[in-house]
């Protein structure tokens, strides 16, 4: 019984090594410096520049706490989605971390700016409904069209609800944490 377990474990490791090798080859030969790669690179630079210019430094702790939670949630969701083959990223900025640009830079920065400029719940929810719709029904289909993103067992409407729920949950937690900090 134990030898079957070890054989299966070795097979999994062998497949992981093969996947890594193929992934690195694909990235180097078919992803790096393509026009789609440059689009992803732009998604990295522009939000960072805008965030640096627009951040309300007086509220930076609260805003960055919110952004880190958004980033963590988005990363976990992306890892689950990719591991369960619900979607796939055809172009990656780096050969590892398929989620880097959207989950760690783009989504958190856009979300933090909405959080910063919409302090009332009503304005925040309205802004995030619009953001979720743009992300799910405009940005994702464009990413599919230009061959960066591939939904496999996923619909854009699922993304809409996930984006929206993620922002509301993170705002609620951030507010709760901020109140405890002030006590």
C-alpha atoms as a PDB file:
ATOM      1  CA  UNK A   1       0.000   0.000   0.000  1.00  0.00           C
ATOM      2  CA  UNK A   2       2.747   2.405   0.942  1.00  0.00           C
ATOM      3  CA  UNK A   3       4.644   1.675  -2.287  1.00  0.00           C
ATOM      4  CA  UNK A   4       1.528   2.553  -4.332  1.00  0.00           C
ATOM      5  CA  UNK A   5       1.342   5.842  -2.522  1.00  0.00           C
ATOM      6  CA  UNK A   6       5.023   6.544  -3.177  1.00  0.00           C
ATOM      7  CA  UNK A   7       4.678   5.596  -6.856  1.00  0.00           C
ATOM      8  CA  UNK A   8       1.730   7.944  -7.254  1.00  0.00           C
ATOM      9  CA  UNK A   9       3.627  10.707  -5.472  1.00  0.00           C
ATOM     10  CA  UNK A  10       6.621  10.233  -7.790  1.00  0.00           C
ATOM     11  CA  UNK A  11       4.317  10.330 -10.816  1.00  0.00           C
ATOM     12  CA  UNK A  12       2.804  13.622  -9.605  1.00  0.00           C
ATOM     13  CA  UNK A  13       6.296  15.110  -9.143  1.00  0.00           C
ATOM     14  CA  UNK A  14       7.316  13.917 -12.604  1.00  0.00           C
ATOM     15  CA  UNK A  15       4.249  15.546 -14.138  1.00  0.00           C
ATOM     16  CA  UNK A  16       4.961  18.780 -12.247  1.00  0.00           C
ATOM     17  CA  UNK A  17       8.534  18.824 -13.598  1.00  0.00           C
ATOM     18  CA  UNK A  18       7.236  18.229 -17.119  1.00  0.00           C
ATOM     19  CA  UNK A  19       4.622  20.956 -16.714  1.00  0.00           C
ATOM     20  CA  UNK A  20       7.244  23.423 -15.464  1.00  0.00           C
ATOM     21  CA  UNK A  21       9.565  22.633 -18.363  1.00  0.00           C
ATOM     22  CA  UNK A  22       6.788  23.007 -20.948  1.00  0.00           C
ATOM     23  CA  UNK A  23       5.507  26.166 -19.276  1.00  0.00           C
ATOM     24  CA  UNK A  24       8.956  27.792 -19.346  1.00  0.00           C
ATOM     25  CA  UNK A  25       9.450  26.803 -22.990  1.00  0.00           C
ATOM     26  CA  UNK A  26       6.048  28.193 -23.942  1.00  0.00           C
ATOM     27  CA  UNK A  27       6.634  31.453 -22.102  1.00  0.00           C
ATOM     28  CA  UNK A  28      10.038  32.021 -23.646  1.00  0.00           C
ATOM     29  CA  UNK A  29       9.054  31.043 -27.197  1.00  0.00           C
ATOM     30  CA  UNK A  30       5.434  32.235 -27.472  1.00  0.00           C
ATOM     31  CA  UNK A  31       4.607  34.758 -24.731  1.00  0.00           C
ATOM     32  CA  UNK A  32       7.612  36.923 -23.867  1.00  0.00           C
ATOM     33  CA  UNK A  33       7.648  40.274 -25.734  1.00  0.00           C
ATOM     34  CA  UNK A  34       4.548  39.579 -27.834  1.00  0.00           C
ATOM     35  CA  UNK A  35       2.173  42.498 -28.303  1.00  0.00           C
ATOM     36  CA  UNK A  36      -0.136  40.876 -25.737  1.00  0.00           C
ATOM     37  CA  UNK A  37       2.794  40.679 -23.312  1.00  0.00           C
ATOM     38  CA  UNK A  38       3.312  44.438 -23.765  1.00  0.00           C
ATOM     39  CA  UNK A  39      -0.360  45.040 -22.962  1.00  0.00           C
ATOM     40  CA  UNK A  40       0.077  43.126 -19.706  1.00  0.00           C
ATOM     41  CA  UNK A  41       3.239  45.114 -19.003  1.00  0.00           C
ATOM     42  CA  UNK A  42       1.233  48.326 -19.461  1.00  0.00           C
ATOM     43  CA  UNK A  43      -1.350  46.959 -16.986  1.00  0.00           C
ATOM     44  CA  UNK A  44       1.518  46.826 -14.513  1.00  0.00           C
ATOM     45  CA  UNK A  45       3.070  50.262 -15.004  1.00  0.00           C
ATOM     46  CA  UNK A  46       0.078  52.603 -15.446  1.00  0.00           C
ATOM     47  CA  UNK A  47      -1.863  51.556 -12.310  1.00  0.00           C
ATOM     48  CA  UNK A  48       1.241  51.819 -10.129  1.00  0.00           C
ATOM     49  CA  UNK A  49       1.945  55.331 -11.433  1.00  0.00           C
ATOM     50  CA  UNK A  50      -1.692  56.419 -10.970  1.00  0.00           C
ATOM     51  CA  UNK A  51      -1.879  54.949  -7.488  1.00  0.00           C
ATOM     52  CA  UNK A  52       1.306  56.688  -6.422  1.00  0.00           C
ATOM     53  CA  UNK A  53      -0.095  60.022  -7.635  1.00  0.00           C
ATOM     54  CA  UNK A  54      -3.652  59.605  -6.283  1.00  0.00           C
ATOM     55  CA  UNK A  55      -3.235  57.818  -2.936  1.00  0.00           C
ATOM     56  CA  UNK A  56      -4.665  59.707   0.036  1.00  0.00           C
ATOM     57  CA  UNK A  57      -1.631  59.348   2.278  1.00  0.00           C
ATOM     58  CA  UNK A  58      -3.625  60.280   5.390  1.00  0.00           C
ATOM     59  CA  UNK A  59      -5.731  57.117   4.920  1.00  0.00           C
ATOM     60  CA  UNK A  60      -2.958  54.983   3.439  1.00  0.00           C
ATOM     61  CA  UNK A  61      -3.036  52.320   6.178  1.00  0.00           C
ATOM     62  CA  UNK A  62      -6.769  51.710   5.755  1.00  0.00           C
ATOM     63  CA  UNK A  63      -6.602  51.848   1.943  1.00  0.00           C
ATOM     64  CA  UNK A  64      -3.582  49.537   1.743  1.00  0.00           C
ATOM     65  CA  UNK A  65      -5.195  47.094   4.198  1.00  0.00           C
ATOM     66  CA  UNK A  66      -8.229  46.957   1.918  1.00  0.00           C
ATOM     67  CA  UNK A  67      -6.003  46.507  -1.154  1.00  0.00           C
ATOM     68  CA  UNK A  68      -4.007  43.701   0.437  1.00  0.00           C
ATOM     69  CA  UNK A  69      -7.210  41.830   1.265  1.00  0.00           C
ATOM     70  CA  UNK A  70      -8.443  42.312  -2.314  1.00  0.00           C
ATOM     71  CA  UNK A  71      -5.105  41.051  -3.626  1.00  0.00           C
ATOM     72  CA  UNK A  72      -5.134  38.020  -1.343  1.00  0.00           C
ATOM     73  CA  UNK A  73      -8.719  37.118  -2.254  1.00  0.00           C
ATOM     74  CA  UNK A  74      -8.147  37.626  -5.986  1.00  0.00           C
ATOM     75  CA  UNK A  75      -4.967  35.518  -5.860  1.00  0.00           C
ATOM     76  CA  UNK A  76      -6.684  32.659  -4.020  1.00  0.00           C
ATOM     77  CA  UNK A  77      -9.611  32.753  -6.454  1.00  0.00           C
ATOM     78  CA  UNK A  78      -7.234  32.739  -9.432  1.00  0.00           C
ATOM     79  CA  UNK A  79      -5.184  29.846  -8.071  1.00  0.00           C
ATOM     80  CA  UNK A  80      -8.354  27.813  -7.512  1.00  0.00           C
ATOM     81  CA  UNK A  81      -9.754  28.745 -10.935  1.00  0.00           C
ATOM     82  CA  UNK A  82      -6.559  27.847 -12.776  1.00  0.00           C
ATOM     83  CA  UNK A  83      -5.873  24.678 -10.759  1.00  0.00           C
ATOM     84  CA  UNK A  84      -9.408  23.415 -11.386  1.00  0.00           C
ATOM     85  CA  UNK A  85      -9.087  24.415 -15.056  1.00  0.00           C
ATOM     86  CA  UNK A  86     -12.011  26.833 -14.943  1.00  0.00           C
ATOM     87  CA  UNK A  87      -9.948  29.381 -16.888  1.00  0.00           C
ATOM     88  CA  UNK A  88      -6.452  29.822 -18.229  1.00  0.00           C
ATOM     89  CA  UNK A  89      -4.073  32.683 -18.941  1.00  0.00           C
ATOM     90  CA  UNK A  90      -2.434  32.313 -22.337  1.00  0.00           C
ATOM     91  CA  UNK A  91       0.002  35.198 -21.846  1.00  0.00           C
ATOM     92  CA  UNK A  92       1.937  35.746 -18.638  1.00  0.00           C
ATOM     93  CA  UNK A  93       4.239  38.619 -17.803  1.00  0.00           C
ATOM     94  CA  UNK A  94       6.605  36.263 -15.968  1.00  0.00           C
ATOM     95  CA  UNK A  95       6.971  32.506 -16.459  1.00  0.00           C
ATOM     96  CA  UNK A  96       5.592  31.937 -12.963  1.00  0.00           C
ATOM     97  CA  UNK A  97       2.716  33.566 -11.131  1.00  0.00           C
ATOM     98  CA  UNK A  98       0.064  33.721 -13.829  1.00  0.00           C
ATOM     99  CA  UNK A  99      -1.970  35.992 -11.577  1.00  0.00           C
ATOM    100  CA  UNK A 100       0.674  38.639 -10.904  1.00  0.00           C
ATOM    101  CA  UNK A 101      -0.633  41.570 -12.916  1.00  0.00           C
ATOM    102  CA  UNK A 102      -4.347  41.335 -12.265  1.00  0.00           C
ATOM    103  CA  UNK A 103      -4.414  39.954  -8.742  1.00  0.00           C
ATOM    104  CA  UNK A 104      -1.503  41.827  -7.218  1.00  0.00           C
ATOM    105  CA  UNK A 105      -1.464  45.093  -9.176  1.00  0.00           C
ATOM    106  CA  UNK A 106      -4.440  45.955 -11.386  1.00  0.00           C
ATOM    107  CA  UNK A 107      -7.488  44.729  -9.416  1.00  0.00           C
ATOM    108  CA  UNK A 108      -6.197  45.913  -5.995  1.00  0.00           C
ATOM    109  CA  UNK A 109      -5.184  49.359  -7.249  1.00  0.00           C
ATOM    110  CA  UNK A 110      -8.465  50.016  -9.060  1.00  0.00           C
ATOM    111  CA  UNK A 111     -10.338  48.687  -6.025  1.00  0.00           C
ATOM    112  CA  UNK A 112      -8.309  50.831  -3.613  1.00  0.00           C
ATOM    113  CA  UNK A 113      -9.031  53.964  -5.635  1.00  0.00           C
ATOM    114  CA  UNK A 114     -12.759  53.179  -5.600  1.00  0.00           C
ATOM    115  CA  UNK A 115     -12.532  52.512  -1.853  1.00  0.00           C
ATOM    116  CA  UNK A 116     -10.699  55.807  -1.340  1.00  0.00           C
ATOM    117  CA  UNK A 117     -13.097  57.973  -3.360  1.00  0.00           C
ATOM    118  CA  UNK A 118     -16.399  56.336  -2.330  1.00  0.00           C
ATOM    119  CA  UNK A 119     -16.640  56.318   1.445  1.00  0.00           C
ATOM    120  CA  UNK A 120     -20.415  55.895   1.751  1.00  0.00           C
ATOM    121  CA  UNK A 121     -21.766  52.390   1.249  1.00  0.00           C
ATOM    122  CA  UNK A 122     -24.212  53.545  -1.427  1.00  0.00           C
ATOM    123  CA  UNK A 123     -21.519  55.219  -3.547  1.00  0.00           C
ATOM    124  CA  UNK A 124     -19.121  52.317  -2.947  1.00  0.00           C
ATOM    125  CA  UNK A 125     -21.664  49.687  -4.013  1.00  0.00           C
ATOM    126  CA  UNK A 126     -22.687  51.684  -7.083  1.00  0.00           C
ATOM    127  CA  UNK A 127     -19.056  52.160  -8.126  1.00  0.00           C
ATOM    128  CA  UNK A 128     -18.305  48.472  -7.602  1.00  0.00           C
ATOM    129  CA  UNK A 129     -21.326  47.334  -9.590  1.00  0.00           C
ATOM    130  CA  UNK A 130     -19.975  49.445 -12.449  1.00  0.00           C
ATOM    131  CA  UNK A 131     -16.402  48.165 -11.911  1.00  0.00           C
ATOM    132  CA  UNK A 132     -17.584  44.546 -11.737  1.00  0.00           C
ATOM    133  CA  UNK A 133     -19.609  44.965 -14.936  1.00  0.00           C
ATOM    134  CA  UNK A 134     -16.667  46.555 -16.761  1.00  0.00           C
ATOM    135  CA  UNK A 135     -14.316  43.803 -15.557  1.00  0.00           C
ATOM    136  CA  UNK A 136     -16.650  40.915 -16.348  1.00  0.00           C
ATOM    137  CA  UNK A 137     -18.403  42.109 -19.502  1.00  0.00           C
ATOM    138  CA  UNK A 138     -15.830  44.376 -21.165  1.00  0.00           C
ATOM    139  CA  UNK A 139     -12.309  43.618 -19.911  1.00  0.00           C
ATOM    140  CA  UNK A 140     -12.646  39.809 -19.832  1.00  0.00           C
ATOM    141  CA  UNK A 141     -14.191  39.534 -23.341  1.00  0.00           C
ATOM    142  CA  UNK A 142     -11.455  41.819 -24.710  1.00  0.00           C
ATOM    143  CA  UNK A 143      -8.827  39.617 -23.016  1.00  0.00           C
ATOM    144  CA  UNK A 144     -10.452  36.592 -24.688  1.00  0.00           C
ATOM    145  CA  UNK A 145     -10.552  38.396 -28.047  1.00  0.00           C
ATOM    146  CA  UNK A 146      -6.852  39.297 -27.938  1.00  0.00           C
ATOM    147  CA  UNK A 147      -5.944  35.800 -26.739  1.00  0.00           C
ATOM    148  CA  UNK A 148      -4.676  36.633 -23.246  1.00  0.00           C
ATOM    149  CA  UNK A 149      -7.394  34.894 -21.225  1.00  0.00           C
ATOM    150  CA  UNK A 150      -9.395  31.744 -21.876  1.00  0.00           C
ATOM    151  CA  UNK A 151     -12.524  30.854 -19.896  1.00  0.00           C
ATOM    152  CA  UNK A 152     -12.831  27.074 -19.976  1.00  0.00           C
ATOM    153  CA  UNK A 153     -15.649  26.178 -17.591  1.00  0.00           C
ATOM    154  CA  UNK A 154     -16.442  29.755 -16.610  1.00  0.00           C
ATOM    155  CA  UNK A 155     -18.909  32.481 -17.555  1.00  0.00           C
ATOM    156  CA  UNK A 156     -18.344  36.220 -17.349  1.00  0.00           C
ATOM    157  CA  UNK A 157     -21.378  36.554 -15.069  1.00  0.00           C
ATOM    158  CA  UNK A 158     -19.605  34.430 -12.451  1.00  0.00           C
ATOM    159  CA  UNK A 159     -16.754  36.948 -12.526  1.00  0.00           C
ATOM    160  CA  UNK A 160     -19.198  39.818 -12.077  1.00  0.00           C
ATOM    161  CA  UNK A 161     -20.559  38.329  -8.866  1.00  0.00           C
ATOM    162  CA  UNK A 162     -17.102  37.330  -7.594  1.00  0.00           C
ATOM    163  CA  UNK A 163     -15.617  40.796  -8.238  1.00  0.00           C
ATOM    164  CA  UNK A 164     -18.545  42.476  -6.526  1.00  0.00           C
ATOM    165  CA  UNK A 165     -18.661  40.131  -3.524  1.00  0.00           C
ATOM    166  CA  UNK A 166     -14.914  40.419  -3.044  1.00  0.00           C
ATOM    167  CA  UNK A 167     -14.994  44.233  -2.824  1.00  0.00           C
ATOM    168  CA  UNK A 168     -17.954  44.331  -0.430  1.00  0.00           C
ATOM    169  CA  UNK A 169     -16.523  41.650   1.873  1.00  0.00           C
ATOM    170  CA  UNK A 170     -13.131  43.371   1.978  1.00  0.00           C
ATOM    171  CA  UNK A 171     -14.664  46.771   2.726  1.00  0.00           C
ATOM    172  CA  UNK A 172     -16.719  45.289   5.566  1.00  0.00           C
ATOM    173  CA  UNK A 173     -13.642  43.604   7.072  1.00  0.00           C
ATOM    174  CA  UNK A 174     -11.523  46.751   6.653  1.00  0.00           C
ATOM    175  CA  UNK A 175     -14.119  48.889   8.430  1.00  0.00           C
ATOM    176  CA  UNK A 176     -14.361  46.361  11.263  1.00  0.00           C
ATOM    177  CA  UNK A 177     -10.566  46.263  11.615  1.00  0.00           C
ATOM    178  CA  UNK A 178     -10.342  50.080  11.529  1.00  0.00           C
ATOM    179  CA  UNK A 179     -12.887  50.401  14.338  1.00  0.00           C
ATOM    180  CA  UNK A 180     -10.985  47.896  16.499  1.00  0.00           C
ATOM    181  CA  UNK A 181      -7.738  49.783  15.814  1.00  0.00           C
ATOM    182  CA  UNK A 182      -9.306  53.029  17.101  1.00  0.00           C
ATOM    183  CA  UNK A 183     -10.420  51.461  20.409  1.00  0.00           C
END
